[in-house]
Amino acid sequence: MNQETAGPEAQRVEPVRNFSVLLSPTPRGARLARLLATEQLRSWDLPLSPADQIVAELANNAATHGRVPGRNFRLTLYVVGDTLRIEVTDTRDDRRPLLQHPAREVESGRGLLLIDALADRWGSASGPRPRKIVWAELRLREPKPEESRSGAASGLFQEPPRRKKPHQAPPLPPAERAHSRE
């Protein structure tokens, strides 16, 4: 069918892109998660930041708080429409993420604050027992001509936080706990 006979209802359907890998729940596995995610985003011509930072925090949390000896964690990236969804699945459903503000003198415990600041939405959900999924979403969009940036291969970039507007989540697994910056 050509475009002339397709009619107005024939729209270009973007494929759902996904990437998934099992990794050991160790500091090395967490570093590898960030490296693999960075390479996958690069191959999709998507921006690396802040997705690489979110992957690093979620993977580090899985290796630190979701670790069960002999069980791996899974990193999954989805692109559906204009949304990048990052999921990290570990085997500690009994340890759900809780957004807290640690005392100033404490040197750790700020990872979820960073995710909350960088992601458009984030949350957690139970997976098949005994798993939990911690996810974060970033909205992507095409820049206007006056916003084009040098070095951007695809012309897609993360919308600046000051311009975030409500959007519909892609058709992905439901979340039991969700946090939104909106």
C-alpha atoms as a PDB file:
ATOM      1  CA  MET A   1       0.000   0.000   0.000  1.00  0.00           C
ATOM      2  CA  ASN A   2       1.471   3.369  -0.898  1.00  0.00           C
ATOM      3  CA  GLN A   3       1.044   6.626   1.004  1.00  0.00           C
ATOM      4  CA  GLU A   4      -1.499   7.989  -1.469  1.00  0.00           C
ATOM      5  CA  THR A   5      -3.939   5.137  -0.838  1.00  0.00           C
ATOM      6  CA  ALA A   6      -3.158   4.624   2.838  1.00  0.00           C
ATOM      7  CA  GLY A   7      -5.524   7.326   4.095  1.00  0.00           C
ATOM      8  CA  PRO A   8      -5.257   9.437   7.248  1.00  0.00           C
ATOM      9  CA  GLU A   9      -5.608   6.444   9.585  1.00  0.00           C
ATOM     10  CA  ALA A  10      -2.357   4.905   8.341  1.00  0.00           C
ATOM     11  CA  GLN A  11       0.275   6.228  10.722  1.00  0.00           C
ATOM     12  CA  ARG A  12       3.877   5.333  11.111  1.00  0.00           C
ATOM     13  CA  VAL A  13       4.154   2.870  13.979  1.00  0.00           C
ATOM     14  CA  GLU A  14       7.393   3.059  15.920  1.00  0.00           C
ATOM     15  CA  PRO A  15       8.711  -0.329  17.002  1.00  0.00           C
ATOM     16  CA  VAL A  16       9.176  -1.041  20.685  1.00  0.00           C
ATOM     17  CA  ARG A  17      12.894  -1.300  21.327  1.00  0.00           C
ATOM     18  CA  ASN A  18      14.142  -3.321  24.259  1.00  0.00           C
ATOM     19  CA  PHE A  19      17.332  -4.644  25.765  1.00  0.00           C
ATOM     20  CA  SER A  20      17.666  -7.011  28.709  1.00  0.00           C
ATOM     21  CA  VAL A  21      20.623  -8.632  30.445  1.00  0.00           C
ATOM     22  CA  LEU A  22      21.274 -10.622  33.636  1.00  0.00           C
ATOM     23  CA  LEU A  23      24.164  -9.420  35.791  1.00  0.00           C
ATOM     24  CA  SER A  24      25.821 -10.503  39.006  1.00  0.00           C
ATOM     25  CA  PRO A  25      24.732  -8.537  42.109  1.00  0.00           C
ATOM     26  CA  THR A  26      28.207  -7.153  42.726  1.00  0.00           C
ATOM     27  CA  PRO A  27      29.887  -3.772  42.293  1.00  0.00           C
ATOM     28  CA  ARG A  28      31.360  -5.142  39.066  1.00  0.00           C
ATOM     29  CA  GLY A  29      27.882  -6.156  37.833  1.00  0.00           C
ATOM     30  CA  ALA A  30      26.556  -2.683  38.660  1.00  0.00           C
ATOM     31  CA  ARG A  31      29.383  -1.032  36.678  1.00  0.00           C
ATOM     32  CA  LEU A  32      28.771  -3.398  33.775  1.00  0.00           C
ATOM     33  CA  ALA A  33      25.065  -2.479  33.812  1.00  0.00           C
ATOM     34  CA  ARG A  34      25.951   1.178  33.268  1.00  0.00           C
ATOM     35  CA  LEU A  35      28.449   0.366  30.501  1.00  0.00           C
ATOM     36  CA  LEU A  36      26.027  -1.936  28.667  1.00  0.00           C
ATOM     37  CA  ALA A  37      23.163   0.548  28.987  1.00  0.00           C
ATOM     38  CA  THR A  38      25.376   3.329  27.644  1.00  0.00           C
ATOM     39  CA  GLU A  39      26.333   1.254  24.611  1.00  0.00           C
ATOM     40  CA  GLN A  40      22.713   0.240  23.980  1.00  0.00           C
ATOM     41  CA  LEU A  41      21.495   3.844  24.181  1.00  0.00           C
ATOM     42  CA  ARG A  42      24.305   4.864  21.830  1.00  0.00           C
ATOM     43  CA  SER A  43      23.243   2.166  19.333  1.00  0.00           C
ATOM     44  CA  TRP A  44      19.672   3.510  19.481  1.00  0.00           C
ATOM     45  CA  ASP A  45      20.985   7.072  18.975  1.00  0.00           C
ATOM     46  CA  LEU A  46      19.471   8.170  22.287  1.00  0.00           C
ATOM     47  CA  PRO A  47      21.006  10.549  24.821  1.00  0.00           C
ATOM     48  CA  LEU A  48      23.202   8.959  27.452  1.00  0.00           C
ATOM     49  CA  SER A  49      22.505  11.390  30.250  1.00  0.00           C
ATOM     50  CA  PRO A  50      20.704  11.178  32.623  1.00  0.00           C
ATOM     51  CA  ALA A  51      19.783   7.558  31.779  1.00  0.00           C
ATOM     52  CA  ASP A  52      23.333   6.346  32.517  1.00  0.00           C
ATOM     53  CA  GLN A  53      23.188   7.875  36.009  1.00  0.00           C
ATOM     54  CA  ILE A  54      19.786   6.319  36.706  1.00  0.00           C
ATOM     55  CA  VAL A  55      21.012   2.892  35.554  1.00  0.00           C
ATOM     56  CA  ALA A  56      24.086   3.259  37.779  1.00  0.00           C
ATOM     57  CA  GLU A  57      21.980   4.072  40.850  1.00  0.00           C
ATOM     58  CA  LEU A  58      19.377   1.352  40.251  1.00  0.00           C
ATOM     59  CA  ALA A  59      22.042  -1.278  39.533  1.00  0.00           C
ATOM     60  CA  ASN A  60      24.056  -0.241  42.571  1.00  0.00           C
ATOM     61  CA  ASN A  61      20.930  -0.535  44.725  1.00  0.00           C
ATOM     62  CA  ALA A  62      20.250  -4.016  43.327  1.00  0.00           C
ATOM     63  CA  ALA A  63      23.844  -5.079  44.043  1.00  0.00           C
ATOM     64  CA  THR A  64      23.805  -3.549  47.526  1.00  0.00           C
ATOM     65  CA  HIS A  65      20.260  -3.935  48.871  1.00  0.00           C
ATOM     66  CA  GLY A  66      18.729  -6.539  46.555  1.00  0.00           C
ATOM     67  CA  ARG A  67      21.569  -9.026  46.668  1.00  0.00           C
ATOM     68  CA  VAL A  68      20.855 -12.682  47.341  1.00  0.00           C
ATOM     69  CA  PRO A  69      23.877 -14.987  46.947  1.00  0.00           C
ATOM     70  CA  GLY A  70      23.635 -17.007  43.745  1.00  0.00           C
ATOM     71  CA  ARG A  71      20.868 -14.871  42.224  1.00  0.00           C
ATOM     72  CA  ASN A  72      21.424 -12.251  39.529  1.00  0.00           C
ATOM     73  CA  PHE A  73      19.674  -8.980  38.856  1.00  0.00           C
ATOM     74  CA  ARG A  74      18.218  -7.995  35.478  1.00  0.00           C
ATOM     75  CA  LEU A  75      18.615  -4.691  33.668  1.00  0.00           C
ATOM     76  CA  THR A  76      15.945  -3.951  31.070  1.00  0.00           C
ATOM     77  CA  LEU A  77      15.629  -0.910  28.817  1.00  0.00           C
ATOM     78  CA  TYR A  78      12.448  -0.204  26.821  1.00  0.00           C
ATOM     79  CA  VAL A  79      11.734   2.575  24.376  1.00  0.00           C
ATOM     80  CA  VAL A  80       8.028   2.933  23.683  1.00  0.00           C
ATOM     81  CA  GLY A  81       6.977   6.021  21.766  1.00  0.00           C
ATOM     82  CA  ASP A  82       8.737   8.967  23.364  1.00  0.00           C
ATOM     83  CA  THR A  83       9.520   7.239  26.668  1.00  0.00           C
ATOM     84  CA  LEU A  84      12.635   5.403  27.817  1.00  0.00           C
ATOM     85  CA  ARG A  85      11.870   3.022  30.681  1.00  0.00           C
ATOM     86  CA  ILE A  86      14.710   1.625  32.765  1.00  0.00           C
ATOM     87  CA  GLU A  87      13.960  -1.407  34.945  1.00  0.00           C
ATOM     88  CA  VAL A  88      16.160  -3.256  37.396  1.00  0.00           C
ATOM     89  CA  THR A  89      14.765  -6.493  38.785  1.00  0.00           C
ATOM     90  CA  ASP A  90      16.301  -8.147  41.842  1.00  0.00           C
ATOM     91  CA  THR A  91      15.278 -11.002  44.120  1.00  0.00           C
ATOM     92  CA  ARG A  92      14.493  -9.074  47.309  1.00  0.00           C
ATOM     93  CA  ASP A  93      10.807  -8.181  47.120  1.00  0.00           C
ATOM     94  CA  ASP A  94      10.905  -7.807  50.914  1.00  0.00           C
ATOM     95  CA  ARG A  95      13.195  -4.760  50.544  1.00  0.00           C
ATOM     96  CA  ARG A  96      11.255  -2.028  48.735  1.00  0.00           C
ATOM     97  CA  PRO A  97      12.885   1.309  47.889  1.00  0.00           C
ATOM     98  CA  LEU A  98      11.940   4.126  50.211  1.00  0.00           C
ATOM     99  CA  LEU A  99      12.693   7.748  49.386  1.00  0.00           C
ATOM    100  CA  GLN A 100      14.399   9.261  52.429  1.00  0.00           C
ATOM    101  CA  HIS A 101      16.499  12.297  53.185  1.00  0.00           C
ATOM    102  CA  PRO A 102      19.581  11.048  55.050  1.00  0.00           C
ATOM    103  CA  ALA A 103      21.375  13.177  57.614  1.00  0.00           C
ATOM    104  CA  ARG A 104      24.053  15.474  56.211  1.00  0.00           C
ATOM    105  CA  GLU A 105      26.904  13.591  57.863  1.00  0.00           C
ATOM    106  CA  VAL A 106      25.846  10.263  56.298  1.00  0.00           C
ATOM    107  CA  GLU A 107      27.897   9.471  53.180  1.00  0.00           C
ATOM    108  CA  SER A 108      25.390   7.258  51.381  1.00  0.00           C
ATOM    109  CA  GLY A 109      21.647   6.845  50.942  1.00  0.00           C
ATOM    110  CA  ARG A 110      21.026   9.530  48.338  1.00  0.00           C
ATOM    111  CA  GLY A 111      20.578   7.330  45.268  1.00  0.00           C
ATOM    112  CA  LEU A 112      16.782   7.475  45.234  1.00  0.00           C
ATOM    113  CA  LEU A 113      16.917  11.254  45.709  1.00  0.00           C
ATOM    114  CA  LEU A 114      19.035  11.411  42.565  1.00  0.00           C
ATOM    115  CA  ILE A 115      16.622   9.145  40.668  1.00  0.00           C
ATOM    116  CA  ASP A 116      13.696  11.251  41.886  1.00  0.00           C
ATOM    117  CA  ALA A 117      15.424  14.405  40.626  1.00  0.00           C
ATOM    118  CA  LEU A 118      16.431  12.987  37.218  1.00  0.00           C
ATOM    119  CA  ALA A 119      13.479  10.789  36.203  1.00  0.00           C
ATOM    120  CA  ASP A 120      10.084  11.979  35.024  1.00  0.00           C
ATOM    121  CA  ARG A 121       8.518   9.108  36.985  1.00  0.00           C
ATOM    122  CA  TRP A 122       9.827   6.188  39.008  1.00  0.00           C
ATOM    123  CA  GLY A 123       8.472   3.461  41.219  1.00  0.00           C
ATOM    124  CA  SER A 124       8.565  -0.181  42.178  1.00  0.00           C
ATOM    125  CA  ALA A 125       6.400  -3.236  41.610  1.00  0.00           C
ATOM    126  CA  SER A 126       6.377  -6.858  42.614  1.00  0.00           C
ATOM    127  CA  GLY A 127       7.636  -9.227  39.965  1.00  0.00           C
ATOM    128  CA  PRO A 128       7.139 -12.977  39.988  1.00  0.00           C
ATOM    129  CA  ARG A 129       8.024 -14.028  43.553  1.00  0.00           C
ATOM    130  CA  PRO A 130      10.504 -13.316  45.054  1.00  0.00           C
ATOM    131  CA  ARG A 131      11.383 -10.493  42.657  1.00  0.00           C
ATOM    132  CA  LYS A 132      10.819  -6.758  42.681  1.00  0.00           C
ATOM    133  CA  ILE A 133      11.162  -4.304  39.831  1.00  0.00           C
ATOM    134  CA  VAL A 134      12.404  -0.768  40.409  1.00  0.00           C
ATOM    135  CA  TRP A 135      11.809   1.386  37.350  1.00  0.00           C
ATOM    136  CA  ALA A 136      12.345   4.926  36.117  1.00  0.00           C
ATOM    137  CA  GLU A 137      11.027   6.675  33.020  1.00  0.00           C
ATOM    138  CA  LEU A 138      12.494   9.467  30.935  1.00  0.00           C
ATOM    139  CA  ARG A 139      10.506  11.253  28.278  1.00  0.00           C
ATOM    140  CA  LEU A 140      12.317  11.802  24.993  1.00  0.00           C
ATOM    141  CA  ARG A 141      11.330  14.219  22.281  1.00  0.00           C
ATOM    142  CA  GLU A 142      12.609  15.600  19.018  1.00  0.00           C
ATOM    143  CA  PRO A 143      14.116  19.066  19.322  1.00  0.00           C
ATOM    144  CA  LYS A 144      12.710  22.095  17.567  1.00  0.00           C
ATOM    145  CA  PRO A 145      15.061  23.418  14.862  1.00  0.00           C
ATOM    146  CA  GLU A 146      16.280  26.247  17.115  1.00  0.00           C
ATOM    147  CA  GLU A 147      17.099  23.690  19.848  1.00  0.00           C
ATOM    148  CA  SER A 148      19.298  21.412  17.759  1.00  0.00           C
ATOM    149  CA  ARG A 149      22.582  20.556  19.429  1.00  0.00           C
ATOM    150  CA  SER A 150      25.866  19.699  17.797  1.00  0.00           C
ATOM    151  CA  GLY A 151      26.913  16.071  18.104  1.00  0.00           C
ATOM    152  CA  ALA A 152      23.381  14.718  18.443  1.00  0.00           C
ATOM    153  CA  ALA A 153      23.142  11.885  15.938  1.00  0.00           C
ATOM    154  CA  SER A 154      19.405  11.371  16.123  1.00  0.00           C
ATOM    155  CA  GLY A 155      18.207  14.763  17.254  1.00  0.00           C
ATOM    156  CA  LEU A 156      16.591  13.283  20.376  1.00  0.00           C
ATOM    157  CA  PHE A 157      17.425  14.535  23.834  1.00  0.00           C
ATOM    158  CA  GLN A 158      16.037  14.566  27.319  1.00  0.00           C
ATOM    159  CA  GLU A 159      13.670  17.461  27.848  1.00  0.00           C
ATOM    160  CA  PRO A 160      15.038  19.946  30.398  1.00  0.00           C
ATOM    161  CA  PRO A 161      13.418  19.575  33.846  1.00  0.00           C
ATOM    162  CA  ARG A 162      12.004  23.120  33.786  1.00  0.00           C
ATOM    163  CA  ARG A 163       9.778  22.198  30.824  1.00  0.00           C
ATOM    164  CA  LYS A 164       8.393  18.871  32.022  1.00  0.00           C
ATOM    165  CA  LYS A 165       4.699  18.457  31.453  1.00  0.00           C
ATOM    166  CA  PRO A 166       2.344  15.597  32.338  1.00  0.00           C
ATOM    167  CA  HIS A 167       2.402  12.733  29.875  1.00  0.00           C
ATOM    168  CA  GLN A 168       0.882   9.335  29.435  1.00  0.00           C
ATOM    169  CA  ALA A 169       3.027   6.393  30.470  1.00  0.00           C
ATOM    170  CA  PRO A 170       3.741   3.798  27.784  1.00  0.00           C
ATOM    171  CA  PRO A 171       1.844   0.510  27.892  1.00  0.00           C
ATOM    172  CA  LEU A 172       4.231  -1.307  30.209  1.00  0.00           C
ATOM    173  CA  PRO A 173       3.735  -3.423  33.341  1.00  0.00           C
ATOM    174  CA  PRO A 174       1.701  -1.645  36.034  1.00  0.00           C
ATOM    175  CA  ALA A 175       3.508  -0.258  39.021  1.00  0.00           C
ATOM    176  CA  GLU A 176       2.363  -0.720  42.580  1.00  0.00           C
ATOM    177  CA  ARG A 177       4.301   2.283  43.811  1.00  0.00           C
ATOM    178  CA  ALA A 178       4.935   5.234  41.565  1.00  0.00           C
ATOM    179  CA  HIS A 179       6.551   8.584  42.095  1.00  0.00           C
ATOM    180  CA  SER A 180       6.204  11.477  39.727  1.00  0.00           C
ATOM    181  CA  ARG A 181       7.857  14.855  39.636  1.00  0.00           C
ATOM    182  CA  GLU A 182       4.643  16.368  38.290  1.00  0.00           C
END
